[in-house]
Amino acid sequence: MNRELDPQIFGPGQNLSSSLSPTGSTGNVAPNAGSRVTATSREAAGFAPGAYAPTPQPSTQPSRPVPYPPLDLKVLEAQMSQMRQMTAQFDRRLEQLQARFNELSRDTQGRLDRYGHQLLRLEDGISRLTEDTSQRFAQVVGKVNERKLQDSKVQEMLDRHNILVRNFENRLAALQKLTSDQEQALLSAHAALEDARAELARLKRL
């Protein structure tokens, strides 16, 4: 059963069946096929050509094709080292992000605490202001009620005074009528007296 390796890790593979003879035998395989595959994988991994000696081709059975090229342990170790470096870099970046997150969390918690204290002070101030306003409003309402009571008393006094004034006016009108009647009677009496004097004088001349 043939398998293909990941070309990003192990380098691009090579179809070994192309190097076989048309009859499918392995007797005419090129002697440098394994070295070409290994060199190709090393070049794909980023190493300069010729940096390592060619890896000898493993022995295979004459009746079975090579399923995949032989592995180069040094290339694999280099790739694993690169992966470890990337993992370490990722860990460092994760630690930096974690430290930044912790710092932001502390900063946010500090701000929330300050906002909470300010909110408590604001609520305390509002409650005191509300209580003070309620007390002042109650005092104003009491004064208004007291003023209304005084106004009602003054109005009652004014009503009684108006009644007394009207009664006095009625009595004064009655007295004025009585005086007028008495004046009329006095005038009548005076006229009668004058008539009597005139008659007396006339009788004396006789």
N, C-alpha and C. Protein backbone atom coordinates (compact mmCIF):
# COMPACT_ATOMS: atom_id res chain seq x y z
N MET A 1 0.87 -1.20 0.00
CA MET A 1 0.00 0.00 0.00
C MET A 1 0.89 1.23 0.00
N ASN A 2 0.74 2.07 -1.01
CA ASN A 2 1.59 3.24 -1.16
C ASN A 2 1.07 4.39 -0.32
N ARG A 3 1.98 5.18 0.27
CA ARG A 3 1.63 6.37 1.05
C ARG A 3 2.47 7.54 0.56
N GLU A 4 1.93 8.73 0.71
CA GLU A 4 2.66 9.95 0.33
C GLU A 4 2.89 10.77 1.58
N LEU A 5 4.12 11.25 1.72
CA LEU A 5 4.47 12.07 2.88
C LEU A 5 4.06 13.52 2.63
N ASP A 6 3.93 14.26 3.74
CA ASP A 6 3.57 15.68 3.64
C ASP A 6 4.73 16.44 3.01
N PRO A 7 4.53 17.05 1.83
CA PRO A 7 5.66 17.74 1.18
C PRO A 7 6.12 18.95 1.96
N GLN A 8 5.25 19.56 2.85
CA GLN A 8 5.69 20.73 3.61
C GLN A 8 6.67 20.36 4.70
N ILE A 9 6.63 19.08 5.14
CA ILE A 9 7.54 18.63 6.21
C ILE A 9 8.72 17.85 5.65
N PHE A 10 8.42 16.89 4.76
CA PHE A 10 9.45 15.97 4.27
C PHE A 10 9.96 16.33 2.89
N GLY A 11 9.45 17.42 2.29
CA GLY A 11 9.91 17.79 0.97
C GLY A 11 9.09 17.09 -0.09
N PRO A 12 9.13 17.62 -1.33
CA PRO A 12 8.34 17.00 -2.40
C PRO A 12 8.85 15.60 -2.73
N GLY A 13 7.90 14.68 -2.92
CA GLY A 13 8.27 13.31 -3.28
C GLY A 13 8.56 13.16 -4.75
N GLN A 14 8.96 11.99 -5.10
CA GLN A 14 9.31 11.69 -6.50
C GLN A 14 8.66 10.38 -6.88
N ASN A 15 8.02 10.37 -8.02
CA ASN A 15 7.38 9.16 -8.50
C ASN A 15 8.45 8.19 -8.97
N LEU A 16 8.67 7.17 -8.13
CA LEU A 16 9.74 6.23 -8.45
C LEU A 16 9.37 5.29 -9.57
N SER A 17 8.09 5.20 -9.87
CA SER A 17 7.71 4.28 -10.96
C SER A 17 8.20 4.78 -12.30
N SER A 18 8.47 6.15 -12.36
CA SER A 18 8.98 6.69 -13.63
C SER A 18 10.40 6.24 -13.88
N SER A 19 11.13 5.91 -12.79
CA SER A 19 12.50 5.45 -12.97
C SER A 19 12.58 3.96 -13.21
N LEU A 20 11.44 3.28 -13.13
CA LEU A 20 11.44 1.84 -13.38
C LEU A 20 11.33 1.58 -14.87
N SER A 21 11.64 0.38 -15.23
CA SER A 21 11.55 -0.02 -16.63
C SER A 21 10.11 -0.23 -17.00
N PRO A 22 9.74 -0.20 -18.30
CA PRO A 22 8.35 -0.43 -18.70
C PRO A 22 7.85 -1.76 -18.23
N THR A 23 8.63 -2.73 -18.00
CA THR A 23 8.15 -4.05 -17.57
C THR A 23 7.87 -4.10 -16.10
N GLY A 24 8.19 -3.00 -15.36
CA GLY A 24 7.93 -2.95 -13.91
C GLY A 24 9.02 -3.55 -13.09
N SER A 25 10.14 -3.97 -13.64
CA SER A 25 11.24 -4.56 -12.86
C SER A 25 12.09 -3.45 -12.32
N THR A 26 12.81 -3.76 -11.27
CA THR A 26 13.68 -2.77 -10.61
C THR A 26 15.14 -2.98 -10.98
N GLY A 27 15.37 -3.73 -12.01
CA GLY A 27 16.77 -3.99 -12.34
C GLY A 27 17.44 -2.82 -13.00
N ASN A 28 16.63 -1.88 -13.66
CA ASN A 28 17.22 -0.75 -14.37
C ASN A 28 17.04 0.56 -13.62
N VAL A 29 16.84 0.50 -12.33
CA VAL A 29 16.70 1.75 -11.56
C VAL A 29 18.03 2.47 -11.56
N ALA A 30 17.97 3.76 -11.73
CA ALA A 30 19.21 4.55 -11.76
C ALA A 30 19.90 4.47 -10.44
N PRO A 31 21.20 4.32 -10.45
CA PRO A 31 21.92 4.15 -9.18
C PRO A 31 21.86 5.38 -8.31
N ASN A 32 21.63 6.57 -8.85
CA ASN A 32 21.63 7.80 -8.05
C ASN A 32 20.23 8.30 -7.78
N ALA A 33 19.17 7.43 -7.93
CA ALA A 33 17.78 7.88 -7.71
C ALA A 33 17.55 8.28 -6.28
N GLY A 34 18.03 7.47 -5.35
CA GLY A 34 17.84 7.81 -3.93
C GLY A 34 18.55 9.09 -3.55
N SER A 35 19.76 9.29 -4.09
CA SER A 35 20.50 10.52 -3.76
C SER A 35 19.79 11.72 -4.33
N ARG A 36 19.17 11.58 -5.57
CA ARG A 36 18.44 12.72 -6.13
C ARG A 36 17.23 13.05 -5.27
N VAL A 37 16.50 12.04 -4.80
CA VAL A 37 15.32 12.29 -3.97
C VAL A 37 15.70 12.96 -2.66
N THR A 38 16.80 12.46 -2.05
CA THR A 38 17.25 13.05 -0.79
C THR A 38 17.73 14.48 -0.98
N ALA A 39 18.44 14.73 -2.06
CA ALA A 39 18.90 16.08 -2.34
C ALA A 39 17.73 17.00 -2.61
N THR A 40 16.73 16.48 -3.32
CA THR A 40 15.55 17.31 -3.60
C THR A 40 14.84 17.68 -2.31
N SER A 41 14.70 16.72 -1.39
CA SER A 41 14.03 17.01 -0.11
C SER A 41 14.83 17.99 0.72
N ARG A 42 16.19 17.89 0.66
CA ARG A 42 17.00 18.84 1.40
C ARG A 42 16.91 20.23 0.81
N GLU A 43 16.89 20.31 -0.52
CA GLU A 43 16.76 21.62 -1.15
C GLU A 43 15.41 22.24 -0.86
N ALA A 44 14.34 21.40 -0.83
CA ALA A 44 13.01 21.94 -0.51
C ALA A 44 12.93 22.41 0.91
N ALA A 45 13.72 21.81 1.82
CA ALA A 45 13.73 22.22 3.23
C ALA A 45 14.53 23.48 3.46
N GLY A 46 15.22 24.01 2.43
CA GLY A 46 15.95 25.26 2.57
C GLY A 46 17.44 25.10 2.78
N PHE A 47 17.99 23.93 2.60
CA PHE A 47 19.42 23.72 2.76
C PHE A 47 20.12 23.84 1.41
N ALA A 48 21.35 24.26 1.44
CA ALA A 48 22.12 24.40 0.21
C ALA A 48 22.42 23.03 -0.35
N PRO A 49 22.37 22.92 -1.67
CA PRO A 49 22.70 21.62 -2.27
C PRO A 49 24.14 21.23 -1.98
N GLY A 50 24.29 19.99 -1.69
CA GLY A 50 25.62 19.47 -1.40
C GLY A 50 26.04 19.63 0.03
N ALA A 51 25.11 20.09 0.91
CA ALA A 51 25.49 20.29 2.31
C ALA A 51 25.71 18.98 3.02
N TYR A 52 25.07 17.92 2.59
CA TYR A 52 25.21 16.61 3.20
C TYR A 52 25.56 15.60 2.11
N ALA A 53 26.13 14.54 2.58
CA ALA A 53 26.47 13.46 1.64
C ALA A 53 25.20 12.75 1.24
N PRO A 54 25.12 12.27 0.02
CA PRO A 54 23.90 11.57 -0.42
C PRO A 54 23.67 10.32 0.41
N THR A 55 22.40 10.13 0.74
CA THR A 55 22.01 8.97 1.54
C THR A 55 21.91 7.75 0.62
N PRO A 56 22.55 6.67 0.97
CA PRO A 56 22.45 5.48 0.10
C PRO A 56 21.03 4.95 0.07
N GLN A 57 20.66 4.42 -1.08
CA GLN A 57 19.31 3.90 -1.28
C GLN A 57 19.15 2.62 -0.48
N PRO A 58 18.06 2.52 0.30
CA PRO A 58 17.86 1.28 1.05
C PRO A 58 17.58 0.12 0.12
N SER A 59 17.95 -1.01 0.63
CA SER A 59 17.72 -2.22 -0.17
C SER A 59 16.25 -2.58 -0.16
N THR A 60 15.74 -2.89 -1.33
CA THR A 60 14.33 -3.26 -1.48
C THR A 60 14.25 -4.58 -2.21
N GLN A 61 13.10 -5.16 -2.07
CA GLN A 61 12.89 -6.40 -2.79
C GLN A 61 12.76 -6.13 -4.28
N PRO A 62 13.26 -6.98 -5.10
CA PRO A 62 13.20 -6.70 -6.55
C PRO A 62 11.79 -6.68 -7.07
N SER A 63 10.86 -7.37 -6.43
CA SER A 63 9.50 -7.45 -6.98
C SER A 63 8.58 -6.36 -6.45
N ARG A 64 9.01 -5.45 -5.49
CA ARG A 64 8.14 -4.43 -4.92
C ARG A 64 8.73 -3.05 -5.19
N PRO A 65 7.91 -2.07 -5.65
CA PRO A 65 8.42 -0.69 -5.86
C PRO A 65 8.60 0.02 -4.53
N VAL A 66 9.45 1.03 -4.52
CA VAL A 66 9.69 1.83 -3.32
C VAL A 66 8.48 2.73 -3.11
N PRO A 67 7.76 2.65 -2.00
CA PRO A 67 6.53 3.45 -1.83
C PRO A 67 6.82 4.93 -1.64
N TYR A 68 7.92 5.31 -1.00
CA TYR A 68 8.24 6.71 -0.79
C TYR A 68 9.75 6.82 -0.65
N PRO A 69 10.29 8.00 -0.86
CA PRO A 69 11.75 8.16 -0.80
C PRO A 69 12.25 7.97 0.62
N PRO A 70 13.50 7.60 0.77
CA PRO A 70 14.05 7.41 2.12
C PRO A 70 14.12 8.74 2.86
N LEU A 71 14.01 8.65 4.20
CA LEU A 71 14.02 9.83 5.05
C LEU A 71 15.45 10.25 5.36
N ASP A 72 15.63 11.55 5.48
CA ASP A 72 16.90 12.11 5.91
C ASP A 72 16.73 12.58 7.35
N LEU A 73 17.35 11.91 8.30
CA LEU A 73 17.16 12.22 9.71
C LEU A 73 17.65 13.61 10.06
N LYS A 74 18.72 14.06 9.42
CA LYS A 74 19.22 15.39 9.72
C LYS A 74 18.23 16.46 9.27
N VAL A 75 17.63 16.26 8.09
CA VAL A 75 16.61 17.20 7.63
C VAL A 75 15.42 17.18 8.57
N LEU A 76 15.03 15.97 8.98
CA LEU A 76 13.91 15.85 9.91
C LEU A 76 14.23 16.51 11.25
N GLU A 77 15.48 16.34 11.72
CA GLU A 77 15.88 16.97 12.97
C GLU A 77 15.88 18.50 12.83
N ALA A 78 16.36 18.99 11.66
CA ALA A 78 16.35 20.44 11.44
C ALA A 78 14.93 20.97 11.43
N GLN A 79 14.03 20.23 10.76
CA GLN A 79 12.63 20.66 10.72
C GLN A 79 12.01 20.61 12.11
N MET A 80 12.34 19.56 12.87
CA MET A 80 11.82 19.49 14.24
C MET A 80 12.38 20.63 15.10
N SER A 81 13.64 20.98 14.87
CA SER A 81 14.22 22.11 15.59
C SER A 81 13.52 23.41 15.24
N GLN A 82 13.23 23.58 13.95
CA GLN A 82 12.48 24.76 13.54
C GLN A 82 11.10 24.78 14.17
N MET A 83 10.46 23.61 14.21
CA MET A 83 9.14 23.53 14.84
C MET A 83 9.22 23.85 16.33
N ARG A 84 10.30 23.36 17.00
CA ARG A 84 10.47 23.67 18.41
C ARG A 84 10.69 25.18 18.61
N GLN A 85 11.48 25.79 17.72
CA GLN A 85 11.70 27.23 17.81
C GLN A 85 10.39 28.00 17.61
N MET A 86 9.61 27.55 16.61
CA MET A 86 8.32 28.19 16.39
C MET A 86 7.41 28.00 17.59
N THR A 87 7.44 26.80 18.17
CA THR A 87 6.61 26.55 19.36
C THR A 87 7.07 27.41 20.53
N ALA A 88 8.41 27.53 20.71
CA ALA A 88 8.93 28.37 21.79
C ALA A 88 8.56 29.83 21.56
N GLN A 89 8.67 30.28 20.29
CA GLN A 89 8.27 31.65 19.98
C GLN A 89 6.78 31.87 20.24
N PHE A 90 6.00 30.86 19.86
CA PHE A 90 4.56 30.94 20.13
C PHE A 90 4.28 30.99 21.64
N ASP A 91 5.04 30.17 22.40
CA ASP A 91 4.87 30.19 23.86
C ASP A 91 5.24 31.54 24.44
N ARG A 92 6.37 32.12 23.93
CA ARG A 92 6.76 33.44 24.42
C ARG A 92 5.70 34.49 24.09
N ARG A 93 5.20 34.38 22.86
CA ARG A 93 4.15 35.33 22.47
C ARG A 93 2.90 35.13 23.33
N LEU A 94 2.58 33.89 23.63
CA LEU A 94 1.43 33.60 24.48
C LEU A 94 1.63 34.13 25.89
N GLU A 95 2.89 33.98 26.41
CA GLU A 95 3.18 34.54 27.72
C GLU A 95 3.07 36.06 27.71
N GLN A 96 3.55 36.70 26.64
CA GLN A 96 3.42 38.15 26.54
C GLN A 96 1.96 38.57 26.52
N LEU A 97 1.17 37.82 25.71
CA LEU A 97 -0.26 38.14 25.65
C LEU A 97 -0.93 37.91 27.00
N GLN A 98 -0.51 36.83 27.70
CA GLN A 98 -1.08 36.56 29.01
C GLN A 98 -0.71 37.67 30.01
N ALA A 99 0.56 38.12 29.94
CA ALA A 99 0.97 39.22 30.82
C ALA A 99 0.20 40.50 30.49
N ARG A 100 0.05 40.75 29.19
CA ARG A 100 -0.71 41.93 28.78
C ARG A 100 -2.17 41.82 29.23
N PHE A 101 -2.72 40.62 29.10
CA PHE A 101 -4.10 40.40 29.54
C PHE A 101 -4.24 40.59 31.04
N ASN A 102 -3.26 40.08 31.80
CA ASN A 102 -3.30 40.27 33.25
C ASN A 102 -3.19 41.74 33.62
N GLU A 103 -2.29 42.45 32.90
CA GLU A 103 -2.15 43.88 33.16
C GLU A 103 -3.44 44.63 32.86
N LEU A 104 -4.04 44.30 31.70
CA LEU A 104 -5.32 44.94 31.35
C LEU A 104 -6.40 44.57 32.35
N SER A 105 -6.38 43.32 32.83
CA SER A 105 -7.38 42.91 33.83
C SER A 105 -7.21 43.70 35.12
N ARG A 106 -5.93 43.86 35.57
CA ARG A 106 -5.69 44.64 36.78
C ARG A 106 -6.11 46.09 36.58
N ASP A 107 -5.75 46.64 35.42
CA ASP A 107 -6.13 48.03 35.14
C ASP A 107 -7.64 48.19 35.11
N THR A 108 -8.30 47.25 34.43
CA THR A 108 -9.77 47.32 34.35
C THR A 108 -10.40 47.15 35.71
N GLN A 109 -9.86 46.21 36.52
CA GLN A 109 -10.40 46.01 37.86
C GLN A 109 -10.20 47.24 38.73
N GLY A 110 -9.02 47.89 38.58
CA GLY A 110 -8.78 49.12 39.33
C GLY A 110 -9.75 50.23 38.93
N ARG A 111 -9.96 50.35 37.62
CA ARG A 111 -10.92 51.36 37.17
C ARG A 111 -12.32 51.05 37.66
N LEU A 112 -12.70 49.77 37.59
CA LEU A 112 -14.03 49.39 38.08
C LEU A 112 -14.17 49.69 39.56
N ASP A 113 -13.09 49.43 40.34
CA ASP A 113 -13.15 49.73 41.78
C ASP A 113 -13.30 51.23 42.00
N ARG A 114 -12.52 52.02 41.24
CA ARG A 114 -12.64 53.48 41.39
C ARG A 114 -14.04 53.95 41.00
N TYR A 115 -14.54 53.42 39.88
CA TYR A 115 -15.89 53.80 39.47
C TYR A 115 -16.92 53.37 40.51
N GLY A 116 -16.69 52.19 41.13
CA GLY A 116 -17.62 51.73 42.16
C GLY A 116 -17.62 52.65 43.37
N HIS A 117 -16.41 53.07 43.81
CA HIS A 117 -16.32 54.00 44.94
C HIS A 117 -16.97 55.35 44.59
N GLN A 118 -16.69 55.84 43.39
CA GLN A 118 -17.31 57.09 42.97
C GLN A 118 -18.82 56.97 42.90
N LEU A 119 -19.30 55.82 42.42
CA LEU A 119 -20.74 55.61 42.35
C LEU A 119 -21.36 55.56 43.74
N LEU A 120 -20.65 54.91 44.68
CA LEU A 120 -21.15 54.88 46.06
C LEU A 120 -21.21 56.29 46.65
N ARG A 121 -20.14 57.07 46.43
CA ARG A 121 -20.16 58.45 46.92
C ARG A 121 -21.28 59.25 46.26
N LEU A 122 -21.47 59.04 44.96
CA LEU A 122 -22.53 59.76 44.27
C LEU A 122 -23.90 59.37 44.81
N GLU A 123 -24.11 58.06 45.04
CA GLU A 123 -25.38 57.62 45.59
C GLU A 123 -25.59 58.18 46.99
N ASP A 124 -24.51 58.22 47.80
CA ASP A 124 -24.62 58.79 49.14
C ASP A 124 -24.98 60.27 49.07
N GLY A 125 -24.31 60.99 48.15
CA GLY A 125 -24.63 62.41 47.99
C GLY A 125 -26.06 62.63 47.52
N ILE A 126 -26.50 61.80 46.59
CA ILE A 126 -27.87 61.92 46.09
C ILE A 126 -28.88 61.62 47.19
N SER A 127 -28.58 60.59 48.00
CA SER A 127 -29.50 60.26 49.09
C SER A 127 -29.56 61.40 50.10
N ARG A 128 -28.37 61.98 50.46
CA ARG A 128 -28.39 63.12 51.39
C ARG A 128 -29.13 64.31 50.79
N LEU A 129 -28.88 64.57 49.51
CA LEU A 129 -29.57 65.68 48.86
C LEU A 129 -31.08 65.44 48.81
N THR A 130 -31.47 64.20 48.53
CA THR A 130 -32.90 63.88 48.50
C THR A 130 -33.54 64.05 49.87
N GLU A 131 -32.83 63.58 50.91
CA GLU A 131 -33.36 63.74 52.26
C GLU A 131 -33.46 65.20 52.65
N ASP A 132 -32.41 65.98 52.33
CA ASP A 132 -32.44 67.42 52.63
C ASP A 132 -33.57 68.11 51.88
N THR A 133 -33.72 67.75 50.59
CA THR A 133 -34.80 68.34 49.80
C THR A 133 -36.16 67.98 50.36
N SER A 134 -36.31 66.72 50.79
CA SER A 134 -37.58 66.30 51.36
C SER A 134 -37.88 67.07 52.64
N GLN A 135 -36.86 67.26 53.50
CA GLN A 135 -37.07 68.03 54.72
C GLN A 135 -37.44 69.47 54.41
N ARG A 136 -36.72 70.08 53.47
CA ARG A 136 -37.06 71.46 53.11
C ARG A 136 -38.44 71.56 52.50
N PHE A 137 -38.79 70.60 51.67
CA PHE A 137 -40.12 70.61 51.07
C PHE A 137 -41.20 70.47 52.14
N ALA A 138 -40.92 69.59 53.13
CA ALA A 138 -41.88 69.44 54.23
C ALA A 138 -42.00 70.74 55.01
N GLN A 139 -40.86 71.43 55.25
CA GLN A 139 -40.92 72.70 55.94
C GLN A 139 -41.72 73.73 55.14
N VAL A 140 -41.48 73.77 53.83
CA VAL A 140 -42.21 74.72 52.99
C VAL A 140 -43.71 74.40 53.00
N VAL A 141 -44.04 73.10 52.92
CA VAL A 141 -45.45 72.71 52.95
C VAL A 141 -46.07 73.10 54.28
N GLY A 142 -45.32 72.89 55.40
CA GLY A 142 -45.83 73.29 56.71
C GLY A 142 -46.06 74.79 56.79
N LYS A 143 -45.09 75.57 56.26
CA LYS A 143 -45.25 77.02 56.28
C LYS A 143 -46.43 77.44 55.41
N VAL A 144 -46.59 76.79 54.25
CA VAL A 144 -47.72 77.14 53.38
C VAL A 144 -49.03 76.82 54.07
N ASN A 145 -49.09 75.68 54.72
CA ASN A 145 -50.32 75.32 55.44
C ASN A 145 -50.59 76.31 56.58
N GLU A 146 -49.50 76.67 57.29
CA GLU A 146 -49.65 77.66 58.36
C GLU A 146 -50.11 79.00 57.80
N ARG A 147 -49.56 79.38 56.66
CA ARG A 147 -49.97 80.64 56.03
C ARG A 147 -51.43 80.58 55.59
N LYS A 148 -51.82 79.42 55.06
CA LYS A 148 -53.23 79.27 54.67
C LYS A 148 -54.14 79.38 55.89
N LEU A 149 -53.72 78.78 57.02
CA LEU A 149 -54.52 78.87 58.24
C LEU A 149 -54.62 80.31 58.71
N GLN A 150 -53.49 81.03 58.67
CA GLN A 150 -53.51 82.44 59.05
C GLN A 150 -54.39 83.24 58.09
N ASP A 151 -54.28 82.94 56.79
CA ASP A 151 -55.11 83.64 55.83
C ASP A 151 -56.59 83.39 56.09
N SER A 152 -56.90 82.13 56.42
CA SER A 152 -58.30 81.82 56.72
C SER A 152 -58.77 82.58 57.97
N LYS A 153 -57.90 82.68 58.98
CA LYS A 153 -58.27 83.45 60.17
C LYS A 153 -58.46 84.92 59.84
N VAL A 154 -57.54 85.47 59.04
CA VAL A 154 -57.66 86.87 58.64
C VAL A 154 -58.94 87.09 57.84
N GLN A 155 -59.25 86.12 56.97
CA GLN A 155 -60.47 86.24 56.18
C GLN A 155 -61.70 86.22 57.08
N GLU A 156 -61.67 85.35 58.07
CA GLU A 156 -62.79 85.32 59.03
C GLU A 156 -62.91 86.65 59.76
N MET A 157 -61.75 87.20 60.19
CA MET A 157 -61.78 88.50 60.85
C MET A 157 -62.31 89.58 59.92
N LEU A 158 -61.89 89.54 58.65
CA LEU A 158 -62.41 90.51 57.68
C LEU A 158 -63.90 90.36 57.48
N ASP A 159 -64.35 89.09 57.42
CA ASP A 159 -65.79 88.87 57.25
C ASP A 159 -66.56 89.42 58.45
N ARG A 160 -66.06 89.18 59.67
CA ARG A 160 -66.74 89.72 60.85
C ARG A 160 -66.72 91.25 60.86
N HIS A 161 -65.55 91.79 60.45
CA HIS A 161 -65.47 93.26 60.39
C HIS A 161 -66.47 93.82 59.37
N ASN A 162 -66.57 93.17 58.21
CA ASN A 162 -67.52 93.63 57.20
C ASN A 162 -68.96 93.55 57.72
N ILE A 163 -69.22 92.48 58.47
CA ILE A 163 -70.57 92.36 59.05
C ILE A 163 -70.83 93.48 60.05
N LEU A 164 -69.84 93.77 60.90
CA LEU A 164 -69.98 94.86 61.86
C LEU A 164 -70.16 96.19 61.15
N VAL A 165 -69.39 96.39 60.07
CA VAL A 165 -69.50 97.65 59.32
C VAL A 165 -70.87 97.77 58.71
N ARG A 166 -71.40 96.68 58.14
CA ARG A 166 -72.73 96.73 57.55
C ARG A 166 -73.79 97.00 58.62
N ASN A 167 -73.63 96.37 59.79
CA ASN A 167 -74.57 96.63 60.88
C ASN A 167 -74.51 98.08 61.34
N PHE A 168 -73.26 98.61 61.42
CA PHE A 168 -73.10 100.01 61.80
C PHE A 168 -73.72 100.93 60.76
N GLU A 169 -73.52 100.58 59.48
CA GLU A 169 -74.11 101.40 58.43
C GLU A 169 -75.64 101.36 58.50
N ASN A 170 -76.17 100.19 58.79
CA ASN A 170 -77.63 100.09 58.91
C ASN A 170 -78.14 100.92 60.10
N ARG A 171 -77.44 100.82 61.22
CA ARG A 171 -77.83 101.61 62.37
C ARG A 171 -77.68 103.11 62.10
N LEU A 172 -76.60 103.48 61.43
CA LEU A 172 -76.39 104.88 61.10
C LEU A 172 -77.48 105.40 60.18
N ALA A 173 -77.86 104.55 59.20
CA ALA A 173 -78.96 104.95 58.32
C ALA A 173 -80.26 105.12 59.10
N ALA A 174 -80.47 104.20 60.03
CA ALA A 174 -81.69 104.33 60.86
C ALA A 174 -81.64 105.59 61.70
N LEU A 175 -80.49 105.90 62.31
CA LEU A 175 -80.35 107.12 63.08
C LEU A 175 -80.52 108.37 62.22
N GLN A 176 -79.95 108.31 60.99
CA GLN A 176 -80.11 109.45 60.09
C GLN A 176 -81.59 109.65 59.74
N LYS A 177 -82.32 108.58 59.52
CA LYS A 177 -83.75 108.69 59.23
C LYS A 177 -84.50 109.26 60.43
N LEU A 178 -84.11 108.73 61.63
CA LEU A 178 -84.74 109.24 62.84
C LEU A 178 -84.43 110.71 63.05
N THR A 179 -83.22 111.12 62.80
CA THR A 179 -82.83 112.53 62.92
C THR A 179 -83.60 113.38 61.93
N SER A 180 -83.73 112.85 60.71
CA SER A 180 -84.48 113.59 59.71
C SER A 180 -85.93 113.76 60.14
N ASP A 181 -86.49 112.71 60.66
CA ASP A 181 -87.89 112.79 61.13
C ASP A 181 -88.01 113.79 62.29
N GLN A 182 -87.03 113.75 63.20
CA GLN A 182 -87.06 114.68 64.31
C GLN A 182 -86.87 116.12 63.83
N GLU A 183 -86.03 116.30 62.84
CA GLU A 183 -85.87 117.65 62.28
C GLU A 183 -87.17 118.14 61.65
N GLN A 184 -87.85 117.24 60.94
CA GLN A 184 -89.13 117.60 60.36
C GLN A 184 -90.13 117.97 61.46
N ALA A 185 -90.11 117.14 62.51
CA ALA A 185 -91.04 117.44 63.62
C ALA A 185 -90.69 118.77 64.29
N LEU A 186 -89.36 119.02 64.45
CA LEU A 186 -88.91 120.27 65.06
C LEU A 186 -89.29 121.46 64.20
N LEU A 187 -89.15 121.31 62.90
CA LEU A 187 -89.53 122.39 62.00
C LEU A 187 -91.03 122.64 62.08
N SER A 188 -91.78 121.57 62.16
CA SER A 188 -93.23 121.72 62.27
C SER A 188 -93.60 122.43 63.60
N ALA A 189 -92.88 122.01 64.65
CA ALA A 189 -93.15 122.64 65.96
C ALA A 189 -92.74 124.12 65.95
N HIS A 190 -91.64 124.40 65.30
CA HIS A 190 -91.17 125.79 65.20
C HIS A 190 -92.16 126.62 64.40
N ALA A 191 -92.66 126.06 63.33
CA ALA A 191 -93.65 126.77 62.52
C ALA A 191 -94.92 127.02 63.32
N ALA A 192 -95.33 126.00 64.10
CA ALA A 192 -96.54 126.17 64.94
C ALA A 192 -96.31 127.22 66.01
N LEU A 193 -95.07 127.24 66.56
CA LEU A 193 -94.74 128.24 67.57
C LEU A 193 -94.75 129.63 66.97
N GLU A 194 -94.25 129.79 65.81
CA GLU A 194 -94.24 131.09 65.15
C GLU A 194 -95.68 131.53 64.89
N ASP A 195 -96.50 130.59 64.47
CA ASP A 195 -97.91 130.92 64.25
C ASP A 195 -98.58 131.36 65.56
N ALA A 196 -98.21 130.64 66.62
CA ALA A 196 -98.79 131.00 67.93
C ALA A 196 -98.34 132.37 68.37
N ARG A 197 -97.09 132.72 68.17
CA ARG A 197 -96.57 134.04 68.52
C ARG A 197 -97.25 135.13 67.70
N ALA A 198 -97.38 134.83 66.41
CA ALA A 198 -98.05 135.82 65.57
C ALA A 198 -99.49 136.04 66.03
N GLU A 199 -100.15 134.94 66.35
CA GLU A 199 -101.53 135.09 66.84
C GLU A 199 -101.57 135.78 68.17
N LEU A 200 -100.63 135.56 69.02
CA LEU A 200 -100.56 136.24 70.31
C LEU A 200 -100.30 137.72 70.12
N ALA A 201 -99.43 138.08 69.25
CA ALA A 201 -99.14 139.47 68.98
C ALA A 201 -100.37 140.16 68.41
N ARG A 202 -101.06 139.50 67.54
CA ARG A 202 -102.28 140.10 66.98
C ARG A 202 -103.32 140.30 68.04
N LEU A 203 -103.38 139.33 68.95
CA LEU A 203 -104.36 139.50 70.04
C LEU A 203 -103.96 140.63 70.96
N LYS A 204 -102.70 140.88 71.19
CA LYS A 204 -102.25 141.98 72.03
C LYS A 204 -102.56 143.30 71.37
N ARG A 205 -102.50 143.45 70.13
CA ARG A 205 -102.80 144.71 69.46
C ARG A 205 -104.29 145.03 69.52
N LEU A 206 -105.06 143.99 69.61
CA LEU A 206 -106.45 144.25 69.72
C LEU A 206 -106.73 144.76 71.13
